[in-house]
Amino acid sequence: MFIFSIFTTYIPLLAHQAVAAILPPPNEVSISRITSSGSGCPENERSVSFSTSPDRTVLTAGFDKFHVYLGPGVSPRDRSKECDVRVEINYPRGYTFSVVETTYHGFATFDNTVSAVLNTTYFFPGGDAARVSSTQTVVLGSATTAGSIFTKTEAIPANARVRAPCGGGIATLAARTRIALTSSRATAQEVEFGTFHGEDSPITQQMKLEWEQCNP
């Protein structure tokens, strides 16, 4: 069986260089509510965990049930799944924030006929429906045949970021992540995307926030 997994490990992320970060006081930023839905994160199984860095610049989401399969007899709907996480963030007036990077870290092992595509779209529900930002990365089997740990960081260009309202209060950040496995071989061997056997760790993604001061 080929296995592809991402597991929780905190990785220091480099500061984004486009805008000088002006952080609000950490005690004035908090998470009030987290909800999830989708085929990759059954809500009734409490399959999503969440944490924040001390300075409130990195959000880490862990998924315990985000398993995707590819192989003979596997239903097409199991070859790709998605999870929609919504995070209510309390923050002070005069500040705004946006997601500037997504980092995926994990372990993969499959041959060069298989690839995995990870895509995350960010937006603020209730705002301009056309305003979204996204990151996408691809893990190729040719690089993971023997099994290896990988780290993939994808940045969002400054002109493509979606920012929270400047007025402060509560903003809901939505992160919709989709994972899909594909193969160039008609009868691919079974591929599992999920928790790596022997590691008690879920699929994980890290979202780097950049804070800015603004005029309400």
N, C-alpha and C. Protein backbone atom coordinates (compact mmCIF):
# COMPACT_ATOMS: atom_id res chain seq x y z
N MET A 1 0.85 -1.19 0.00
CA MET A 1 0.00 0.00 0.00
C MET A 1 0.88 1.23 0.00
N PHE A 2 0.54 2.22 -0.83
CA PHE A 2 1.21 3.51 -0.81
C PHE A 2 0.52 4.39 0.22
N ILE A 3 1.27 5.17 0.93
CA ILE A 3 0.73 5.99 2.00
C ILE A 3 1.20 7.43 1.83
N PHE A 4 0.29 8.36 2.04
CA PHE A 4 0.63 9.78 2.01
C PHE A 4 -0.01 10.43 3.20
N SER A 5 0.76 11.14 4.00
CA SER A 5 0.26 11.67 5.25
C SER A 5 0.92 12.99 5.57
N ILE A 6 0.17 13.85 6.27
CA ILE A 6 0.73 15.09 6.81
C ILE A 6 0.52 15.05 8.30
N PHE A 7 1.56 15.38 9.08
CA PHE A 7 1.41 15.27 10.51
C PHE A 7 1.80 16.55 11.21
N THR A 8 1.25 16.74 12.41
CA THR A 8 1.41 17.99 13.14
C THR A 8 2.81 18.15 13.69
N THR A 9 3.50 19.16 13.21
CA THR A 9 4.78 19.57 13.77
C THR A 9 4.87 21.07 13.59
N TYR A 10 5.14 21.81 14.66
CA TYR A 10 5.23 23.25 14.51
C TYR A 10 6.52 23.59 13.78
N ILE A 11 6.39 24.37 12.72
CA ILE A 11 7.54 24.77 11.92
C ILE A 11 7.62 26.28 11.92
N PRO A 12 8.69 26.90 12.39
CA PRO A 12 8.79 28.35 12.33
C PRO A 12 8.71 28.82 10.88
N LEU A 13 7.87 29.80 10.62
CA LEU A 13 7.70 30.32 9.28
C LEU A 13 8.41 31.65 9.15
N LEU A 14 9.00 31.90 8.00
CA LEU A 14 9.70 33.14 7.78
C LEU A 14 8.72 34.28 7.67
N ALA A 15 9.07 35.43 8.21
CA ALA A 15 8.19 36.60 8.13
C ALA A 15 8.05 37.03 6.68
N HIS A 16 6.83 37.41 6.29
CA HIS A 16 6.60 37.88 4.94
C HIS A 16 7.24 39.26 4.77
N GLN A 17 7.82 39.52 3.63
CA GLN A 17 8.62 40.72 3.46
C GLN A 17 7.86 41.89 2.84
N ALA A 18 6.64 41.66 2.31
CA ALA A 18 5.97 42.70 1.53
C ALA A 18 5.53 43.88 2.39
N VAL A 19 5.02 43.62 3.60
CA VAL A 19 4.52 44.68 4.47
C VAL A 19 5.08 44.45 5.86
N ALA A 20 5.53 45.53 6.48
CA ALA A 20 6.04 45.41 7.85
C ALA A 20 4.90 45.06 8.79
N ALA A 21 5.04 43.98 9.52
CA ALA A 21 3.97 43.53 10.41
C ALA A 21 3.91 44.42 11.64
N ILE A 22 2.71 44.84 12.00
CA ILE A 22 2.47 45.62 13.22
C ILE A 22 1.47 44.83 14.03
N LEU A 23 1.96 44.09 15.00
CA LEU A 23 1.11 43.16 15.72
C LEU A 23 0.25 43.85 16.76
N PRO A 24 -1.00 43.46 16.88
CA PRO A 24 -1.81 43.93 18.00
C PRO A 24 -1.36 43.23 19.28
N PRO A 25 -1.69 43.75 20.45
CA PRO A 25 -1.33 43.06 21.69
C PRO A 25 -1.91 41.64 21.67
N PRO A 26 -1.10 40.62 21.96
CA PRO A 26 -1.59 39.24 21.91
C PRO A 26 -2.82 38.99 22.76
N ASN A 27 -2.94 39.70 23.91
CA ASN A 27 -4.08 39.46 24.79
C ASN A 27 -5.37 40.08 24.24
N GLU A 28 -5.27 40.81 23.12
CA GLU A 28 -6.46 41.38 22.50
C GLU A 28 -6.89 40.61 21.26
N VAL A 29 -6.24 39.47 21.01
CA VAL A 29 -6.60 38.60 19.89
C VAL A 29 -6.93 37.22 20.45
N SER A 30 -8.10 36.70 20.10
CA SER A 30 -8.49 35.39 20.61
C SER A 30 -9.40 34.68 19.61
N ILE A 31 -9.49 33.38 19.75
CA ILE A 31 -10.38 32.55 18.94
C ILE A 31 -11.63 32.27 19.78
N SER A 32 -12.79 32.65 19.26
CA SER A 32 -14.02 32.46 20.04
C SER A 32 -14.80 31.22 19.62
N ARG A 33 -14.66 30.79 18.36
CA ARG A 33 -15.45 29.63 17.90
C ARG A 33 -14.82 29.05 16.65
N ILE A 34 -14.86 27.71 16.55
CA ILE A 34 -14.36 27.01 15.36
C ILE A 34 -15.41 26.00 14.93
N THR A 35 -15.78 26.01 13.66
CA THR A 35 -16.71 25.01 13.13
C THR A 35 -16.09 24.38 11.89
N SER A 36 -16.53 23.18 11.57
CA SER A 36 -16.00 22.49 10.39
C SER A 36 -17.09 21.65 9.76
N SER A 37 -16.97 21.46 8.46
CA SER A 37 -17.91 20.60 7.73
C SER A 37 -17.24 20.14 6.45
N GLY A 38 -17.72 19.02 5.93
CA GLY A 38 -17.17 18.50 4.68
C GLY A 38 -16.81 17.04 4.79
N SER A 39 -16.58 16.43 3.64
CA SER A 39 -16.28 14.99 3.60
C SER A 39 -14.96 14.65 4.26
N GLY A 40 -14.05 15.64 4.38
CA GLY A 40 -12.75 15.37 5.00
C GLY A 40 -12.69 15.66 6.48
N CYS A 41 -13.79 16.19 7.05
CA CYS A 41 -13.77 16.52 8.48
C CYS A 41 -15.18 16.40 9.05
N PRO A 42 -15.65 15.17 9.26
CA PRO A 42 -17.00 14.98 9.81
C PRO A 42 -17.18 15.75 11.11
N GLU A 43 -18.16 16.65 11.14
CA GLU A 43 -18.34 17.53 12.29
C GLU A 43 -18.71 16.77 13.54
N ASN A 44 -19.53 15.72 13.38
CA ASN A 44 -19.99 14.99 14.57
C ASN A 44 -18.91 14.12 15.19
N GLU A 45 -17.75 14.03 14.53
CA GLU A 45 -16.65 13.22 15.08
C GLU A 45 -15.54 14.09 15.68
N ARG A 46 -15.77 15.40 15.73
CA ARG A 46 -14.79 16.33 16.29
C ARG A 46 -13.40 16.06 15.70
N SER A 47 -13.33 16.09 14.39
CA SER A 47 -12.12 15.66 13.70
C SER A 47 -11.12 16.77 13.42
N VAL A 48 -11.41 18.00 13.86
CA VAL A 48 -10.49 19.11 13.63
C VAL A 48 -10.00 19.68 14.96
N SER A 49 -8.69 19.82 15.09
CA SER A 49 -8.11 20.50 16.24
C SER A 49 -7.50 21.81 15.77
N PHE A 50 -7.29 22.74 16.70
CA PHE A 50 -6.82 24.05 16.29
C PHE A 50 -5.93 24.64 17.37
N SER A 51 -4.88 25.34 16.95
CA SER A 51 -4.01 26.02 17.90
C SER A 51 -3.46 27.29 17.27
N THR A 52 -2.97 28.20 18.11
CA THR A 52 -2.39 29.44 17.62
C THR A 52 -1.01 29.63 18.24
N SER A 53 -0.13 30.32 17.53
CA SER A 53 1.19 30.64 18.08
C SER A 53 1.02 31.74 19.12
N PRO A 54 1.96 31.89 20.06
CA PRO A 54 1.84 32.90 21.12
C PRO A 54 1.64 34.32 20.60
N ASP A 55 2.24 34.65 19.45
CA ASP A 55 2.10 36.02 18.93
C ASP A 55 0.92 36.17 17.99
N ARG A 56 0.11 35.12 17.84
CA ARG A 56 -1.10 35.14 17.02
C ARG A 56 -0.81 35.37 15.53
N THR A 57 0.31 34.88 15.05
CA THR A 57 0.63 35.02 13.63
C THR A 57 0.58 33.70 12.87
N VAL A 58 0.42 32.58 13.57
CA VAL A 58 0.32 31.28 12.90
C VAL A 58 -0.86 30.51 13.48
N LEU A 59 -1.76 30.09 12.61
CA LEU A 59 -2.87 29.22 12.99
C LEU A 59 -2.56 27.83 12.46
N THR A 60 -2.71 26.82 13.30
CA THR A 60 -2.45 25.44 12.90
C THR A 60 -3.72 24.62 13.04
N ALA A 61 -4.13 24.00 11.94
CA ALA A 61 -5.31 23.14 11.94
C ALA A 61 -4.87 21.70 11.73
N GLY A 62 -5.40 20.79 12.55
CA GLY A 62 -5.09 19.37 12.42
C GLY A 62 -6.37 18.60 12.11
N PHE A 63 -6.30 17.66 11.17
CA PHE A 63 -7.46 16.90 10.73
C PHE A 63 -7.25 15.41 10.99
N ASP A 64 -8.10 14.81 11.81
CA ASP A 64 -7.95 13.40 12.16
C ASP A 64 -8.60 12.43 11.17
N LYS A 65 -9.56 12.92 10.37
CA LYS A 65 -10.35 12.03 9.51
C LYS A 65 -10.22 12.35 8.03
N PHE A 66 -9.22 13.14 7.67
CA PHE A 66 -9.07 13.59 6.29
C PHE A 66 -8.34 12.51 5.48
N HIS A 67 -9.05 11.45 5.12
CA HIS A 67 -8.45 10.32 4.41
C HIS A 67 -8.97 10.28 2.97
N VAL A 68 -8.06 10.16 2.02
CA VAL A 68 -8.40 10.08 0.61
C VAL A 68 -7.78 8.81 0.05
N TYR A 69 -8.52 8.12 -0.80
CA TYR A 69 -8.07 6.81 -1.30
C TYR A 69 -8.10 6.78 -2.82
N LEU A 70 -7.21 5.98 -3.39
CA LEU A 70 -7.15 5.80 -4.84
C LEU A 70 -6.72 4.37 -5.13
N GLY A 71 -7.46 3.68 -5.97
CA GLY A 71 -7.11 2.31 -6.30
C GLY A 71 -8.28 1.54 -6.86
N PRO A 72 -8.07 0.30 -7.27
CA PRO A 72 -9.15 -0.52 -7.82
C PRO A 72 -10.31 -0.65 -6.84
N GLY A 73 -11.52 -0.41 -7.32
CA GLY A 73 -12.69 -0.55 -6.48
C GLY A 73 -13.00 0.64 -5.59
N VAL A 74 -12.18 1.67 -5.64
CA VAL A 74 -12.40 2.85 -4.80
C VAL A 74 -13.40 3.78 -5.48
N SER A 75 -14.38 4.25 -4.73
CA SER A 75 -15.39 5.15 -5.27
C SER A 75 -14.74 6.48 -5.68
N PRO A 76 -15.19 7.07 -6.80
CA PRO A 76 -14.63 8.37 -7.22
C PRO A 76 -14.72 9.44 -6.14
N ARG A 77 -15.77 9.39 -5.31
CA ARG A 77 -15.92 10.42 -4.28
C ARG A 77 -14.88 10.29 -3.17
N ASP A 78 -14.20 9.13 -3.08
CA ASP A 78 -13.16 8.95 -2.07
C ASP A 78 -11.78 9.36 -2.57
N ARG A 79 -11.69 9.72 -3.86
CA ARG A 79 -10.39 10.12 -4.41
C ARG A 79 -10.05 11.57 -4.10
N SER A 80 -11.06 12.34 -3.76
CA SER A 80 -10.82 13.72 -3.34
C SER A 80 -11.85 14.10 -2.29
N LYS A 81 -11.41 14.84 -1.28
CA LYS A 81 -12.30 15.29 -0.21
C LYS A 81 -11.93 16.71 0.17
N GLU A 82 -12.86 17.37 0.87
CA GLU A 82 -12.56 18.73 1.29
C GLU A 82 -13.08 18.97 2.70
N CYS A 83 -12.54 20.01 3.31
CA CYS A 83 -12.96 20.41 4.65
C CYS A 83 -13.06 21.93 4.69
N ASP A 84 -14.18 22.42 5.17
CA ASP A 84 -14.42 23.85 5.30
C ASP A 84 -14.36 24.20 6.78
N VAL A 85 -13.29 24.89 7.18
CA VAL A 85 -13.11 25.31 8.57
C VAL A 85 -13.40 26.81 8.67
N ARG A 86 -14.19 27.19 9.67
CA ARG A 86 -14.49 28.61 9.90
C ARG A 86 -14.05 28.97 11.32
N VAL A 87 -13.22 30.00 11.40
CA VAL A 87 -12.62 30.41 12.66
C VAL A 87 -13.05 31.83 12.98
N GLU A 88 -13.72 32.01 14.11
CA GLU A 88 -14.11 33.35 14.55
C GLU A 88 -12.96 33.95 15.36
N ILE A 89 -12.41 35.05 14.86
CA ILE A 89 -11.25 35.69 15.47
C ILE A 89 -11.65 37.04 16.03
N ASN A 90 -11.43 37.23 17.33
CA ASN A 90 -11.66 38.52 17.98
C ASN A 90 -10.37 39.34 17.89
N TYR A 91 -10.48 40.59 17.44
CA TYR A 91 -9.28 41.42 17.31
C TYR A 91 -9.67 42.89 17.51
N PRO A 92 -8.70 43.74 17.86
CA PRO A 92 -9.02 45.12 18.23
C PRO A 92 -9.28 46.04 17.03
N ARG A 93 -10.01 47.12 17.29
CA ARG A 93 -10.27 48.15 16.31
C ARG A 93 -8.95 48.77 15.85
N GLY A 94 -8.89 49.11 14.57
CA GLY A 94 -7.67 49.73 14.03
C GLY A 94 -6.67 48.73 13.48
N TYR A 95 -7.05 47.44 13.43
CA TYR A 95 -6.18 46.41 12.87
C TYR A 95 -6.94 45.59 11.83
N THR A 96 -6.19 45.02 10.91
CA THR A 96 -6.74 44.06 9.97
C THR A 96 -5.71 42.95 9.79
N PHE A 97 -6.12 41.84 9.21
CA PHE A 97 -5.19 40.73 8.99
C PHE A 97 -5.58 39.98 7.73
N SER A 98 -4.62 39.24 7.21
CA SER A 98 -4.85 38.40 6.04
C SER A 98 -3.94 37.19 6.12
N VAL A 99 -4.31 36.13 5.42
CA VAL A 99 -3.45 34.94 5.32
C VAL A 99 -2.45 35.21 4.20
N VAL A 100 -1.17 35.03 4.49
CA VAL A 100 -0.13 35.31 3.49
C VAL A 100 0.62 34.05 3.04
N GLU A 101 0.52 32.97 3.81
CA GLU A 101 1.21 31.72 3.45
C GLU A 101 0.44 30.52 4.00
N THR A 102 0.56 29.42 3.30
CA THR A 102 0.10 28.13 3.83
C THR A 102 1.29 27.18 3.80
N THR A 103 1.50 26.46 4.89
CA THR A 103 2.57 25.47 4.96
C THR A 103 1.99 24.10 5.24
N TYR A 104 2.39 23.12 4.43
CA TYR A 104 2.02 21.71 4.62
C TYR A 104 3.30 20.96 4.98
N HIS A 105 3.21 20.12 5.97
CA HIS A 105 4.39 19.37 6.43
C HIS A 105 3.96 17.94 6.67
N GLY A 106 4.72 16.97 6.17
CA GLY A 106 4.27 15.60 6.37
C GLY A 106 5.21 14.55 5.84
N PHE A 107 4.64 13.39 5.62
CA PHE A 107 5.38 12.21 5.16
C PHE A 107 4.63 11.60 3.99
N ALA A 108 5.34 11.23 2.95
CA ALA A 108 4.69 10.64 1.78
C ALA A 108 5.52 9.48 1.26
N THR A 109 4.82 8.49 0.72
CA THR A 109 5.49 7.40 0.02
C THR A 109 4.55 6.81 -1.02
N PHE A 110 4.80 7.11 -2.29
CA PHE A 110 4.10 6.47 -3.40
C PHE A 110 4.95 6.64 -4.66
N ASP A 111 4.64 5.89 -5.71
CA ASP A 111 5.52 5.88 -6.88
C ASP A 111 5.20 7.01 -7.84
N ASN A 112 5.92 7.06 -8.96
CA ASN A 112 5.82 8.20 -9.86
C ASN A 112 4.57 8.21 -10.74
N THR A 113 3.67 7.27 -10.53
CA THR A 113 2.39 7.32 -11.24
C THR A 113 1.34 8.10 -10.46
N VAL A 114 1.67 8.48 -9.23
CA VAL A 114 0.69 9.11 -8.34
C VAL A 114 1.16 10.51 -7.95
N SER A 115 0.21 11.43 -7.86
CA SER A 115 0.50 12.76 -7.34
C SER A 115 -0.64 13.21 -6.44
N ALA A 116 -0.34 14.09 -5.52
CA ALA A 116 -1.33 14.63 -4.60
C ALA A 116 -1.38 16.14 -4.77
N VAL A 117 -2.59 16.68 -4.89
CA VAL A 117 -2.79 18.12 -5.02
C VAL A 117 -3.49 18.62 -3.77
N LEU A 118 -2.93 19.63 -3.12
CA LEU A 118 -3.51 20.24 -1.93
C LEU A 118 -3.83 21.69 -2.24
N ASN A 119 -5.08 22.07 -2.06
CA ASN A 119 -5.52 23.42 -2.39
C ASN A 119 -6.32 23.99 -1.23
N THR A 120 -6.03 25.23 -0.85
CA THR A 120 -6.78 25.91 0.21
C THR A 120 -7.24 27.27 -0.29
N THR A 121 -8.54 27.55 -0.12
CA THR A 121 -9.11 28.84 -0.48
C THR A 121 -9.53 29.57 0.79
N TYR A 122 -9.18 30.86 0.87
CA TYR A 122 -9.50 31.67 2.05
C TYR A 122 -10.47 32.78 1.66
N PHE A 123 -11.44 33.05 2.56
CA PHE A 123 -12.35 34.17 2.34
C PHE A 123 -13.03 34.51 3.65
N PHE A 124 -13.71 35.65 3.65
CA PHE A 124 -14.46 36.10 4.83
C PHE A 124 -15.94 36.06 4.47
N PRO A 125 -16.70 35.09 4.98
CA PRO A 125 -18.12 34.97 4.65
C PRO A 125 -18.88 36.26 4.96
N GLY A 126 -19.79 36.62 4.07
CA GLY A 126 -20.56 37.83 4.26
C GLY A 126 -19.95 39.04 3.59
N GLY A 127 -18.72 38.92 3.13
CA GLY A 127 -18.07 40.01 2.43
C GLY A 127 -18.29 39.87 0.93
N ASP A 128 -17.40 40.46 0.17
CA ASP A 128 -17.48 40.37 -1.28
C ASP A 128 -17.23 38.92 -1.70
N ALA A 129 -18.25 38.29 -2.30
CA ALA A 129 -18.14 36.86 -2.64
C ALA A 129 -17.03 36.59 -3.64
N ALA A 130 -16.66 37.63 -4.42
CA ALA A 130 -15.62 37.44 -5.43
C ALA A 130 -14.22 37.56 -4.85
N ARG A 131 -14.11 38.02 -3.61
CA ARG A 131 -12.81 38.23 -3.00
C ARG A 131 -12.37 36.98 -2.26
N VAL A 132 -11.52 36.22 -2.88
CA VAL A 132 -10.95 35.02 -2.27
C VAL A 132 -9.46 35.00 -2.59
N SER A 133 -8.71 34.30 -1.77
CA SER A 133 -7.30 34.05 -2.06
C SER A 133 -7.06 32.57 -1.88
N SER A 134 -6.01 32.05 -2.48
CA SER A 134 -5.80 30.61 -2.41
C SER A 134 -4.33 30.26 -2.55
N THR A 135 -4.02 29.06 -2.08
CA THR A 135 -2.70 28.47 -2.28
C THR A 135 -2.89 27.05 -2.80
N GLN A 136 -1.92 26.58 -3.56
CA GLN A 136 -1.98 25.21 -4.07
C GLN A 136 -0.57 24.65 -4.15
N THR A 137 -0.44 23.38 -3.79
CA THR A 137 0.84 22.71 -3.90
C THR A 137 0.63 21.29 -4.39
N VAL A 138 1.66 20.73 -5.00
CA VAL A 138 1.60 19.37 -5.55
C VAL A 138 2.75 18.56 -4.99
N VAL A 139 2.46 17.36 -4.53
CA VAL A 139 3.49 16.41 -4.09
C VAL A 139 3.55 15.31 -5.13
N LEU A 140 4.71 15.12 -5.76
CA LEU A 140 4.88 14.14 -6.82
C LEU A 140 5.44 12.83 -6.28
N GLY A 141 4.92 11.73 -6.76
CA GLY A 141 5.37 10.43 -6.30
C GLY A 141 6.82 10.16 -6.61
N SER A 142 7.34 10.74 -7.69
CA SER A 142 8.74 10.48 -8.06
C SER A 142 9.70 10.96 -6.99
N ALA A 143 9.24 11.90 -6.16
CA ALA A 143 10.12 12.43 -5.11
C ALA A 143 9.94 11.70 -3.79
N THR A 144 8.98 10.79 -3.71
CA THR A 144 8.64 10.18 -2.42
C THR A 144 8.57 8.66 -2.49
N THR A 145 9.19 8.06 -3.51
CA THR A 145 9.08 6.62 -3.69
C THR A 145 9.55 5.84 -2.47
N ALA A 146 10.66 6.26 -1.88
CA ALA A 146 11.21 5.55 -0.73
C ALA A 146 10.64 6.04 0.59
N GLY A 147 9.82 7.07 0.53
CA GLY A 147 9.26 7.64 1.75
C GLY A 147 10.13 8.77 2.25
N SER A 148 9.54 9.91 2.48
CA SER A 148 10.32 11.05 2.94
C SER A 148 9.42 12.06 3.63
N ILE A 149 10.04 12.85 4.51
CA ILE A 149 9.35 13.97 5.13
C ILE A 149 9.49 15.17 4.21
N PHE A 150 8.42 15.92 4.02
CA PHE A 150 8.48 17.09 3.16
C PHE A 150 7.84 18.28 3.84
N THR A 151 8.24 19.47 3.41
CA THR A 151 7.61 20.72 3.83
C THR A 151 7.34 21.54 2.58
N LYS A 152 6.09 21.96 2.44
CA LYS A 152 5.69 22.76 1.28
C LYS A 152 5.08 24.06 1.78
N THR A 153 5.66 25.18 1.39
CA THR A 153 5.12 26.49 1.75
C THR A 153 4.76 27.25 0.49
N GLU A 154 3.52 27.71 0.43
CA GLU A 154 3.04 28.46 -0.73
C GLU A 154 2.57 29.84 -0.26
N ALA A 155 3.08 30.89 -0.88
CA ALA A 155 2.75 32.26 -0.51
C ALA A 155 1.62 32.80 -1.38
N ILE A 156 0.89 33.76 -0.81
CA ILE A 156 -0.16 34.47 -1.54
C ILE A 156 0.39 35.85 -1.91
N PRO A 157 0.40 36.22 -3.18
CA PRO A 157 0.91 37.54 -3.56
C PRO A 157 0.16 38.66 -2.85
N ALA A 158 0.84 39.76 -2.59
CA ALA A 158 0.25 40.86 -1.83
C ALA A 158 -1.03 41.38 -2.46
N ASN A 159 -1.07 41.43 -3.79
CA ASN A 159 -2.25 41.98 -4.46
C ASN A 159 -3.40 40.98 -4.57
N ALA A 160 -3.20 39.76 -4.05
CA ALA A 160 -4.24 38.75 -4.13
C ALA A 160 -4.79 38.35 -2.76
N ARG A 161 -4.37 39.05 -1.72
CA ARG A 161 -4.81 38.69 -0.37
C ARG A 161 -6.19 39.26 -0.06
N VAL A 162 -6.91 38.54 0.79
CA VAL A 162 -8.21 39.01 1.27
C VAL A 162 -8.02 39.42 2.73
N ARG A 163 -8.40 40.66 3.05
CA ARG A 163 -8.19 41.18 4.40
C ARG A 163 -9.48 41.25 5.19
N ALA A 164 -9.34 41.09 6.51
CA ALA A 164 -10.48 41.21 7.41
C ALA A 164 -10.92 42.67 7.50
N PRO A 165 -12.18 42.93 7.87
CA PRO A 165 -12.64 44.31 8.04
C PRO A 165 -11.77 45.06 9.04
N CYS A 166 -11.61 46.34 8.81
CA CYS A 166 -10.73 47.15 9.65
C CYS A 166 -11.36 47.52 10.99
N GLY A 167 -12.66 47.38 11.13
CA GLY A 167 -13.35 47.86 12.31
C GLY A 167 -13.13 47.08 13.58
N GLY A 168 -12.45 45.96 13.51
CA GLY A 168 -12.24 45.15 14.70
C GLY A 168 -13.49 44.39 15.09
N GLY A 169 -13.49 43.80 16.27
CA GLY A 169 -14.62 42.98 16.70
C GLY A 169 -14.36 41.52 16.39
N ILE A 170 -15.27 40.89 15.65
CA ILE A 170 -15.14 39.47 15.29
C ILE A 170 -15.16 39.34 13.77
N ALA A 171 -14.19 38.66 13.22
CA ALA A 171 -14.17 38.32 11.79
C ALA A 171 -14.10 36.81 11.67
N THR A 172 -14.87 36.26 10.75
CA THR A 172 -14.85 34.82 10.51
C THR A 172 -13.96 34.52 9.32
N LEU A 173 -12.86 33.84 9.57
CA LEU A 173 -11.96 33.41 8.51
C LEU A 173 -12.37 32.02 8.06
N ALA A 174 -12.68 31.86 6.79
CA ALA A 174 -13.03 30.55 6.23
C ALA A 174 -11.84 30.01 5.45
N ALA A 175 -11.48 28.76 5.73
CA ALA A 175 -10.39 28.08 5.02
C ALA A 175 -10.95 26.78 4.46
N ARG A 176 -11.08 26.70 3.16
CA ARG A 176 -11.64 25.51 2.52
C ARG A 176 -10.50 24.74 1.84
N THR A 177 -10.18 23.58 2.39
CA THR A 177 -9.05 22.78 1.90
C THR A 177 -9.55 21.54 1.16
N ARG A 178 -8.96 21.29 0.01
CA ARG A 178 -9.30 20.11 -0.79
C ARG A 178 -8.03 19.31 -1.05
N ILE A 179 -8.14 18.01 -0.93
CA ILE A 179 -7.03 17.10 -1.20
C ILE A 179 -7.48 16.09 -2.25
N ALA A 180 -6.68 15.90 -3.29
CA ALA A 180 -7.04 14.97 -4.36
C ALA A 180 -5.83 14.15 -4.77
N LEU A 181 -6.05 12.86 -4.98
CA LEU A 181 -5.01 11.96 -5.48
C LEU A 181 -5.33 11.59 -6.92
N THR A 182 -4.34 11.59 -7.78
CA THR A 182 -4.52 11.18 -9.17
C THR A 182 -3.39 10.24 -9.56
N SER A 183 -3.63 9.44 -10.60
CA SER A 183 -2.62 8.51 -11.08
C SER A 183 -2.65 8.46 -12.59
N SER A 184 -1.49 8.32 -13.20
CA SER A 184 -1.39 8.18 -14.65
C SER A 184 -1.60 6.73 -15.08
N ARG A 185 -1.74 5.83 -14.12
CA ARG A 185 -1.91 4.41 -14.42
C ARG A 185 -3.37 4.02 -14.19
N ALA A 186 -3.97 3.37 -15.16
CA ALA A 186 -5.40 3.04 -15.09
C ALA A 186 -5.73 2.17 -13.89
N THR A 187 -4.83 1.26 -13.53
CA THR A 187 -5.08 0.37 -12.39
C THR A 187 -4.04 0.64 -11.31
N ALA A 188 -4.12 1.80 -10.74
CA ALA A 188 -3.16 2.17 -9.69
C ALA A 188 -3.34 1.28 -8.48
N GLN A 189 -2.23 0.98 -7.81
CA GLN A 189 -2.33 0.27 -6.55
C GLN A 189 -3.02 1.17 -5.53
N GLU A 190 -3.48 0.57 -4.46
CA GLU A 190 -4.21 1.35 -3.45
C GLU A 190 -3.30 2.41 -2.84
N VAL A 191 -3.81 3.64 -2.78
CA VAL A 191 -3.09 4.76 -2.17
C VAL A 191 -3.94 5.31 -1.06
N GLU A 192 -3.36 5.51 0.09
CA GLU A 192 -4.08 6.09 1.22
C GLU A 192 -3.44 7.41 1.58
N PHE A 193 -4.27 8.45 1.72
CA PHE A 193 -3.81 9.73 2.23
C PHE A 193 -4.43 9.87 3.60
N GLY A 194 -3.61 9.87 4.64
CA GLY A 194 -4.17 9.95 6.00
C GLY A 194 -3.06 9.84 7.01
N THR A 195 -3.42 9.45 8.22
CA THR A 195 -2.45 9.34 9.30
C THR A 195 -1.42 8.27 8.96
N PHE A 196 -0.15 8.60 9.07
CA PHE A 196 0.92 7.67 8.78
C PHE A 196 0.95 6.58 9.84
N HIS A 197 1.00 5.36 9.40
CA HIS A 197 1.00 4.23 10.32
C HIS A 197 2.22 4.32 11.25
N GLY A 198 1.97 4.24 12.54
CA GLY A 198 3.04 4.34 13.52
C GLY A 198 3.23 5.74 14.05
N GLU A 199 2.50 6.72 13.47
CA GLU A 199 2.59 8.10 13.95
C GLU A 199 1.20 8.53 14.42
N ASP A 200 1.08 8.95 15.65
CA ASP A 200 -0.19 9.41 16.18
C ASP A 200 -0.34 10.90 15.89
N SER A 201 -0.50 11.24 14.62
CA SER A 201 -0.54 12.63 14.21
C SER A 201 -1.51 12.81 13.06
N PRO A 202 -2.27 13.92 13.04
CA PRO A 202 -3.24 14.12 11.97
C PRO A 202 -2.67 14.89 10.79
N ILE A 203 -3.45 14.96 9.71
CA ILE A 203 -3.13 15.84 8.61
C ILE A 203 -3.15 17.27 9.14
N THR A 204 -2.21 18.09 8.68
CA THR A 204 -2.06 19.43 9.25
C THR A 204 -1.79 20.48 8.18
N GLN A 205 -2.27 21.68 8.42
CA GLN A 205 -1.85 22.82 7.63
C GLN A 205 -1.65 24.01 8.57
N GLN A 206 -0.67 24.83 8.23
CA GLN A 206 -0.41 26.04 9.00
C GLN A 206 -0.72 27.26 8.13
N MET A 207 -1.39 28.23 8.73
CA MET A 207 -1.77 29.45 8.03
C MET A 207 -1.06 30.63 8.70
N LYS A 208 -0.22 31.32 7.95
CA LYS A 208 0.49 32.47 8.51
C LYS A 208 -0.33 33.73 8.28
N LEU A 209 -0.58 34.47 9.36
CA LEU A 209 -1.31 35.72 9.28
C LEU A 209 -0.35 36.90 9.29
N GLU A 210 -0.70 37.94 8.55
CA GLU A 210 0.02 39.19 8.64
C GLU A 210 -0.95 40.26 9.14
N TRP A 211 -0.55 40.94 10.22
CA TRP A 211 -1.36 41.98 10.81
C TRP A 211 -0.90 43.34 10.32
N GLU A 212 -1.86 44.25 10.12
CA GLU A 212 -1.55 45.61 9.71
C GLU A 212 -2.45 46.58 10.48
N GLN A 213 -1.94 47.77 10.74
CA GLN A 213 -2.77 48.81 11.28
C GLN A 213 -3.55 49.47 10.14
N CYS A 214 -4.76 49.96 10.46
CA CYS A 214 -5.59 50.55 9.42
C CYS A 214 -6.51 51.60 10.05
N ASN A 215 -7.15 52.38 9.20
CA ASN A 215 -8.08 53.41 9.64
C ASN A 215 -9.51 52.91 9.45
N PRO A 216 -10.26 52.70 10.56
CA PRO A 216 -11.63 52.19 10.45
C PRO A 216 -12.50 53.12 9.61
